[in-house]
Amino acid sequence: MVNWSLIRSNGGRDSSNKIRKSIVSFMTKHHPGSVIDSIERKYNAYKINLMNGLCLVFDEDGRYVKSN
């Protein structure tokens, strides 16, 4: 289970809630049942590593950018 409270943004609490909601919505729709291994904040992006080896990148607003 991911500790979503660790995800913060420069925009404050409301902004970080929006980012979490966006990422969770994407994960639910496109990767149901996937388990998140880790989340890293990289400058202006979020890198989410899944247990199956897939890496998803989201921008600073929580919008999906690409998979590695």
PDB file of N, CA and C in Angstrom:
ATOM      1  N   MET A   1       0.845  -1.179   0.000  1.00  0.00           N
ATOM      2  CA  MET A   1       0.000   0.000   0.000  1.00  0.00           C
ATOM      3  C   MET A   1       0.887   1.238   0.000  1.00  0.00           C
ATOM      4  N   VAL A   2       0.493   2.227  -0.741  1.00  0.00           N
ATOM      5  CA  VAL A   2       1.267   3.456  -0.874  1.00  0.00           C
ATOM      6  C   VAL A   2       0.795   4.475   0.145  1.00  0.00           C
ATOM      7  N   ASN A   3       1.735   5.186   0.764  1.00  0.00           N
ATOM      8  CA  ASN A   3       1.393   6.260   1.676  1.00  0.00           C
ATOM      9  C   ASN A   3       1.231   7.537   0.855  1.00  0.00           C
ATOM     10  N   TRP A   4       0.001   7.816   0.421  1.00  0.00           N
ATOM     11  CA  TRP A   4      -0.263   8.958  -0.463  1.00  0.00           C
ATOM     12  C   TRP A   4       0.005  10.284   0.214  1.00  0.00           C
ATOM     13  N   SER A   5       0.075  10.322   1.540  1.00  0.00           N
ATOM     14  CA  SER A   5       0.334  11.592   2.209  1.00  0.00           C
ATOM     15  C   SER A   5       1.763  12.071   1.961  1.00  0.00           C
ATOM     16  N   LEU A   6       2.613  11.194   1.447  1.00  0.00           N
ATOM     17  CA  LEU A   6       3.983  11.600   1.132  1.00  0.00           C
ATOM     18  C   LEU A   6       4.068  12.416  -0.142  1.00  0.00           C
ATOM     19  N   ILE A   7       3.017  12.351  -0.964  1.00  0.00           N
ATOM     20  CA  ILE A   7       3.011  13.115  -2.200  1.00  0.00           C
ATOM     21  C   ILE A   7       2.512  14.522  -1.886  1.00  0.00           C
ATOM     22  N   ARG A   8       3.382  15.489  -2.102  1.00  0.00           N
ATOM     23  CA  ARG A   8       3.016  16.886  -1.865  1.00  0.00           C
ATOM     24  C   ARG A   8       3.383  17.680  -3.103  1.00  0.00           C
ATOM     25  N   SER A   9       2.785  18.832  -3.219  1.00  0.00           N
ATOM     26  CA  SER A   9       3.125  19.698  -4.339  1.00  0.00           C
ATOM     27  C   SER A   9       3.341  21.112  -3.824  1.00  0.00           C
ATOM     28  N   ASN A  10       3.872  21.957  -4.679  1.00  0.00           N
ATOM     29  CA  ASN A  10       4.097  23.350  -4.301  1.00  0.00           C
ATOM     30  C   ASN A  10       2.787  24.100  -4.115  1.00  0.00           C
ATOM     31  N   GLY A  11       1.714  23.574  -4.686  1.00  0.00           N
ATOM     32  CA  GLY A  11       0.419  24.239  -4.606  1.00  0.00           C
ATOM     33  C   GLY A  11      -0.321  24.007  -3.310  1.00  0.00           C
ATOM     34  N   GLY A  12       0.233  23.225  -2.412  1.00  0.00           N
ATOM     35  CA  GLY A  12      -0.408  22.979  -1.131  1.00  0.00           C
ATOM     36  C   GLY A  12      -1.280  21.743  -1.120  1.00  0.00           C
ATOM     37  N   ARG A  13      -2.070  21.631  -0.073  1.00  0.00           N
ATOM     38  CA  ARG A  13      -2.861  20.428   0.170  1.00  0.00           C
ATOM     39  C   ARG A  13      -3.881  20.145  -0.928  1.00  0.00           C
ATOM     40  N   ASP A  14      -4.627  21.156  -1.365  1.00  0.00           N
ATOM     41  CA  ASP A  14      -5.636  20.938  -2.395  1.00  0.00           C
ATOM     42  C   ASP A  14      -4.999  20.435  -3.684  1.00  0.00           C
ATOM     43  N   SER A  15      -3.857  21.003  -4.030  1.00  0.00           N
ATOM     44  CA  SER A  15      -3.163  20.609  -5.242  1.00  0.00           C
ATOM     45  C   SER A  15      -2.664  19.164  -5.144  1.00  0.00           C
ATOM     46  N   SER A  16      -2.117  18.780  -3.997  1.00  0.00           N
ATOM     47  CA  SER A  16      -1.618  17.416  -3.839  1.00  0.00           C
ATOM     48  C   SER A  16      -2.762  16.409  -3.869  1.00  0.00           C
ATOM     49  N   ASN A  17      -3.936  16.785  -3.347  1.00  0.00           N
ATOM     50  CA  ASN A  17      -5.107  15.904  -3.421  1.00  0.00           C
ATOM     51  C   ASN A  17      -5.508  15.681  -4.874  1.00  0.00           C
ATOM     52  N   LYS A  18      -5.442  16.728  -5.692  1.00  0.00           N
ATOM     53  CA  LYS A  18      -5.781  16.621  -7.110  1.00  0.00           C
ATOM     54  C   LYS A  18      -4.805  15.696  -7.835  1.00  0.00           C
ATOM     55  N   ILE A  19      -3.526  15.811  -7.496  1.00  0.00           N
ATOM     56  CA  ILE A  19      -2.505  14.954  -8.110  1.00  0.00           C
ATOM     57  C   ILE A  19      -2.775  13.493  -7.756  1.00  0.00           C
ATOM     58  N   ARG A  20      -3.006  13.220  -6.496  1.00  0.00           N
ATOM     59  CA  ARG A  20      -3.287  11.843  -6.064  1.00  0.00           C
ATOM     60  C   ARG A  20      -4.522  11.301  -6.760  1.00  0.00           C
ATOM     61  N   LYS A  21      -5.573  12.102  -6.838  1.00  0.00           N
ATOM     62  CA  LYS A  21      -6.812  11.658  -7.471  1.00  0.00           C
ATOM     63  C   LYS A  21      -6.573  11.329  -8.940  1.00  0.00           C
ATOM     64  N   SER A  22      -5.814  12.153  -9.621  1.00  0.00           N
ATOM     65  CA  SER A  22      -5.515  11.942 -11.034  1.00  0.00           C
ATOM     66  C   SER A  22      -4.725  10.646 -11.249  1.00  0.00           C
ATOM     67  N   ILE A  23      -3.715  10.422 -10.429  1.00  0.00           N
ATOM     68  CA  ILE A  23      -2.883   9.220 -10.560  1.00  0.00           C
ATOM     69  C   ILE A  23      -3.686   7.973 -10.218  1.00  0.00           C
ATOM     70  N   VAL A  24      -4.456   8.017  -9.144  1.00  0.00           N
ATOM     71  CA  VAL A  24      -5.273   6.862  -8.748  1.00  0.00           C
ATOM     72  C   VAL A  24      -6.300   6.553  -9.827  1.00  0.00           C
ATOM     73  N   SER A  25      -6.905   7.581 -10.398  1.00  0.00           N
ATOM     74  CA  SER A  25      -7.887   7.386 -11.464  1.00  0.00           C
ATOM     75  C   SER A  25      -7.246   6.704 -12.672  1.00  0.00           C
ATOM     76  N   PHE A  26      -6.065   7.154 -13.063  1.00  0.00           N
ATOM     77  CA  PHE A  26      -5.356   6.550 -14.195  1.00  0.00           C
ATOM     78  C   PHE A  26      -5.015   5.098 -13.899  1.00  0.00           C
ATOM     79  N   MET A  27      -4.499   4.840 -12.702  1.00  0.00           N
ATOM     80  CA  MET A  27      -4.115   3.474 -12.322  1.00  0.00           C
ATOM     81  C   MET A  27      -5.323   2.546 -12.309  1.00  0.00           C
ATOM     82  N   THR A  28      -6.442   3.012 -11.791  1.00  0.00           N
ATOM     83  CA  THR A  28      -7.659   2.202 -11.720  1.00  0.00           C
ATOM     84  C   THR A  28      -8.169   1.849 -13.112  1.00  0.00           C
ATOM     85  N   LYS A  29      -8.099   2.810 -14.016  1.00  0.00           N
ATOM     86  CA  LYS A  29      -8.615   2.604 -15.367  1.00  0.00           C
ATOM     87  C   LYS A  29      -7.679   1.769 -16.243  1.00  0.00           C
ATOM     88  N   HIS A  30      -6.375   2.051 -16.192  1.00  0.00           N
ATOM     89  CA  HIS A  30      -5.427   1.440 -17.125  1.00  0.00           C
ATOM     90  C   HIS A  30      -4.602   0.284 -16.550  1.00  0.00           C
ATOM     91  N   HIS A  31      -4.482   0.213 -15.246  1.00  0.00           N
ATOM     92  CA  HIS A  31      -3.681  -0.844 -14.613  1.00  0.00           C
ATOM     93  C   HIS A  31      -4.398  -1.402 -13.379  1.00  0.00           C
ATOM     94  N   PRO A  32      -5.636  -1.877 -13.552  1.00  0.00           N
ATOM     95  CA  PRO A  32      -6.371  -2.400 -12.386  1.00  0.00           C
ATOM     96  C   PRO A  32      -5.663  -3.625 -11.814  1.00  0.00           C
ATOM     97  N   GLY A  33      -5.596  -3.695 -10.520  1.00  0.00           N
ATOM     98  CA  GLY A  33      -4.975  -4.837  -9.859  1.00  0.00           C
ATOM     99  C   GLY A  33      -3.468  -4.755  -9.765  1.00  0.00           C
ATOM    100  N   SER A  34      -2.851  -3.744 -10.380  1.00  0.00           N
ATOM    101  CA  SER A  34      -1.394  -3.589 -10.294  1.00  0.00           C
ATOM    102  C   SER A  34      -1.013  -3.093  -8.910  1.00  0.00           C
ATOM    103  N   VAL A  35       0.157  -3.535  -8.463  1.00  0.00           N
ATOM    104  CA  VAL A  35       0.645  -3.134  -7.147  1.00  0.00           C
ATOM    105  C   VAL A  35       1.794  -2.151  -7.335  1.00  0.00           C
ATOM    106  N   ILE A  36       1.713  -1.010  -6.649  1.00  0.00           N
ATOM    107  CA  ILE A  36       2.762  -0.003  -6.733  1.00  0.00           C
ATOM    108  C   ILE A  36       3.898  -0.384  -5.802  1.00  0.00           C
ATOM    109  N   ASP A  37       5.094  -0.435  -6.358  1.00  0.00           N
ATOM    110  CA  ASP A  37       6.295  -0.762  -5.586  1.00  0.00           C
ATOM    111  C   ASP A  37       6.863   0.495  -4.930  1.00  0.00           C
ATOM    112  N   SER A  38       6.945   1.593  -5.707  1.00  0.00           N
ATOM    113  CA  SER A  38       7.492   2.833  -5.158  1.00  0.00           C
ATOM    114  C   SER A  38       7.038   4.036  -5.982  1.00  0.00           C
ATOM    115  N   ILE A  39       7.102   5.189  -5.341  1.00  0.00           N
ATOM    116  CA  ILE A  39       6.808   6.460  -6.005  1.00  0.00           C
ATOM    117  C   ILE A  39       7.964   7.401  -5.713  1.00  0.00           C
ATOM    118  N   GLU A  40       8.498   7.999  -6.768  1.00  0.00           N
ATOM    119  CA  GLU A  40       9.592   8.945  -6.617  1.00  0.00           C
ATOM    120  C   GLU A  40       9.196  10.284  -7.214  1.00  0.00           C
ATOM    121  N   ARG A  41       9.575  11.346  -6.543  1.00  0.00           N
ATOM    122  CA  ARG A  41       9.365  12.692  -7.093  1.00  0.00           C
ATOM    123  C   ARG A  41      10.669  13.093  -7.758  1.00  0.00           C
ATOM    124  N   LYS A  42      10.623  13.342  -9.044  1.00  0.00           N
ATOM    125  CA  LYS A  42      11.801  13.736  -9.814  1.00  0.00           C
ATOM    126  C   LYS A  42      11.544  15.118 -10.392  1.00  0.00           C
ATOM    127  N   TYR A  43      12.113  16.142  -9.795  1.00  0.00           N
ATOM    128  CA  TYR A  43      11.962  17.530 -10.251  1.00  0.00           C
ATOM    129  C   TYR A  43      10.490  17.880 -10.466  1.00  0.00           C
ATOM    130  N   ASN A  44      10.030  17.868 -11.690  1.00  0.00           N
ATOM    131  CA  ASN A  44       8.641  18.247 -11.972  1.00  0.00           C
ATOM    132  C   ASN A  44       7.821  17.055 -12.459  1.00  0.00           C
ATOM    133  N   ALA A  45       8.177  15.862 -11.991  1.00  0.00           N
ATOM    134  CA  ALA A  45       7.465  14.657 -12.420  1.00  0.00           C
ATOM    135  C   ALA A  45       7.415  13.643 -11.282  1.00  0.00           C
ATOM    136  N   TYR A  46       6.493  12.704 -11.421  1.00  0.00           N
ATOM    137  CA  TYR A  46       6.382  11.576 -10.495  1.00  0.00           C
ATOM    138  C   TYR A  46       6.668  10.305 -11.255  1.00  0.00           C
ATOM    139  N   LYS A  47       7.522   9.471 -10.708  1.00  0.00           N
ATOM    140  CA  LYS A  47       7.876   8.195 -11.319  1.00  0.00           C
ATOM    141  C   LYS A  47       7.302   7.099 -10.417  1.00  0.00           C
ATOM    142  N   ILE A  48       6.404   6.286 -10.990  1.00  0.00           N
ATOM    143  CA  ILE A  48       5.758   5.224 -10.226  1.00  0.00           C
ATOM    144  C   ILE A  48       6.212   3.879 -10.771  1.00  0.00           C
ATOM    145  N   ASN A  49       6.845   3.099  -9.917  1.00  0.00           N
ATOM    146  CA  ASN A  49       7.320   1.770 -10.280  1.00  0.00           C
ATOM    147  C   ASN A  49       6.318   0.731  -9.799  1.00  0.00           C
ATOM    148  N   LEU A  50       5.884  -0.110 -10.720  1.00  0.00           N
ATOM    149  CA  LEU A  50       4.942  -1.171 -10.382  1.00  0.00           C
ATOM    150  C   LEU A  50       5.705  -2.459 -10.097  1.00  0.00           C
ATOM    151  N   MET A  51       5.084  -3.354  -9.347  1.00  0.00           N
ATOM    152  CA  MET A  51       5.719  -4.630  -9.001  1.00  0.00           C
ATOM    153  C   MET A  51       5.995  -5.493 -10.228  1.00  0.00           C
ATOM    154  N   ASN A  52       5.253  -5.285 -11.323  1.00  0.00           N
ATOM    155  CA  ASN A  52       5.470  -6.082 -12.533  1.00  0.00           C
ATOM    156  C   ASN A  52       6.633  -5.557 -13.379  1.00  0.00           C
ATOM    157  N   GLY A  53       7.350  -4.526 -12.889  1.00  0.00           N
ATOM    158  CA  GLY A  53       8.509  -3.993 -13.587  1.00  0.00           C
ATOM    159  C   GLY A  53       8.224  -2.772 -14.444  1.00  0.00           C
ATOM    160  N   LEU A  54       6.962  -2.450 -14.658  1.00  0.00           N
ATOM    161  CA  LEU A  54       6.596  -1.294 -15.473  1.00  0.00           C
ATOM    162  C   LEU A  54       6.824  -0.011 -14.669  1.00  0.00           C
ATOM    163  N   CYS A  55       7.273   1.022 -15.355  1.00  0.00           N
ATOM    164  CA  CYS A  55       7.492   2.322 -14.735  1.00  0.00           C
ATOM    165  C   CYS A  55       6.616   3.344 -15.442  1.00  0.00           C
ATOM    166  N   LEU A  56       5.802   4.065 -14.691  1.00  0.00           N
ATOM    167  CA  LEU A  56       4.908   5.084 -15.242  1.00  0.00           C
ATOM    168  C   LEU A  56       5.403   6.460 -14.814  1.00  0.00           C
ATOM    169  N   VAL A  57       5.346   7.412 -15.736  1.00  0.00           N
ATOM    170  CA  VAL A  57       5.775   8.773 -15.430  1.00  0.00           C
ATOM    171  C   VAL A  57       4.574   9.708 -15.570  1.00  0.00           C
ATOM    172  N   PHE A  58       4.377  10.561 -14.558  1.00  0.00           N
ATOM    173  CA  PHE A  58       3.306  11.548 -14.533  1.00  0.00           C
ATOM    174  C   PHE A  58       3.934  12.924 -14.370  1.00  0.00           C
ATOM    175  N   ASP A  59       3.304  13.949 -14.962  1.00  0.00           N
ATOM    176  CA  ASP A  59       3.842  15.296 -14.822  1.00  0.00           C
ATOM    177  C   ASP A  59       3.510  15.857 -13.443  1.00  0.00           C
ATOM    178  N   GLU A  60       3.914  17.091 -13.208  1.00  0.00           N
ATOM    179  CA  GLU A  60       3.734  17.700 -11.885  1.00  0.00           C
ATOM    180  C   GLU A  60       2.278  17.909 -11.499  1.00  0.00           C
ATOM    181  N   ASP A  61       1.372  17.832 -12.466  1.00  0.00           N
ATOM    182  CA  ASP A  61      -0.058  17.952 -12.191  1.00  0.00           C
ATOM    183  C   ASP A  61      -0.751  16.594 -12.093  1.00  0.00           C
ATOM    184  N   GLY A  62       0.001  15.519 -12.173  1.00  0.00           N
ATOM    185  CA  GLY A  62      -0.566  14.184 -12.062  1.00  0.00           C
ATOM    186  C   GLY A  62      -1.082  13.610 -13.364  1.00  0.00           C
ATOM    187  N   ARG A  63      -0.746  14.236 -14.480  1.00  0.00           N
ATOM    188  CA  ARG A  63      -1.176  13.729 -15.798  1.00  0.00           C
ATOM    189  C   ARG A  63      -0.155  12.722 -16.312  1.00  0.00           C
ATOM    190  N   TYR A  64      -0.659  11.626 -16.867  1.00  0.00           N
ATOM    191  CA  TYR A  64       0.202  10.573 -17.419  1.00  0.00           C
ATOM    192  C   TYR A  64       1.034  11.124 -18.578  1.00  0.00           C
ATOM    193  N   VAL A  65       2.342  10.766 -18.594  1.00  0.00           N
ATOM    194  CA  VAL A  65       3.245  11.212 -19.649  1.00  0.00           C
ATOM    195  C   VAL A  65       3.711  10.033 -20.494  1.00  0.00           C
ATOM    196  N   LYS A  66       4.274   8.984 -19.826  1.00  0.00           N
ATOM    197  CA  LYS A  66       4.793   7.850 -20.574  1.00  0.00           C
ATOM    198  C   LYS A  66       5.055   6.660 -19.654  1.00  0.00           C
ATOM    199  N   SER A  67       5.328   5.513 -20.297  1.00  0.00           N
ATOM    200  CA  SER A  67       5.722   4.290 -19.593  1.00  0.00           C
ATOM    201  C   SER A  67       7.142   3.944 -20.016  1.00  0.00           C
ATOM    202  N   ASN A  68       7.885   3.401 -19.098  1.00  0.00           N
ATOM    203  CA  ASN A  68       9.255   2.931 -19.391  1.00  0.00           C
ATOM    204  C   ASN A  68       9.310   1.432 -19.194  1.00  0.00           C
TER     205      ASN A  68
END
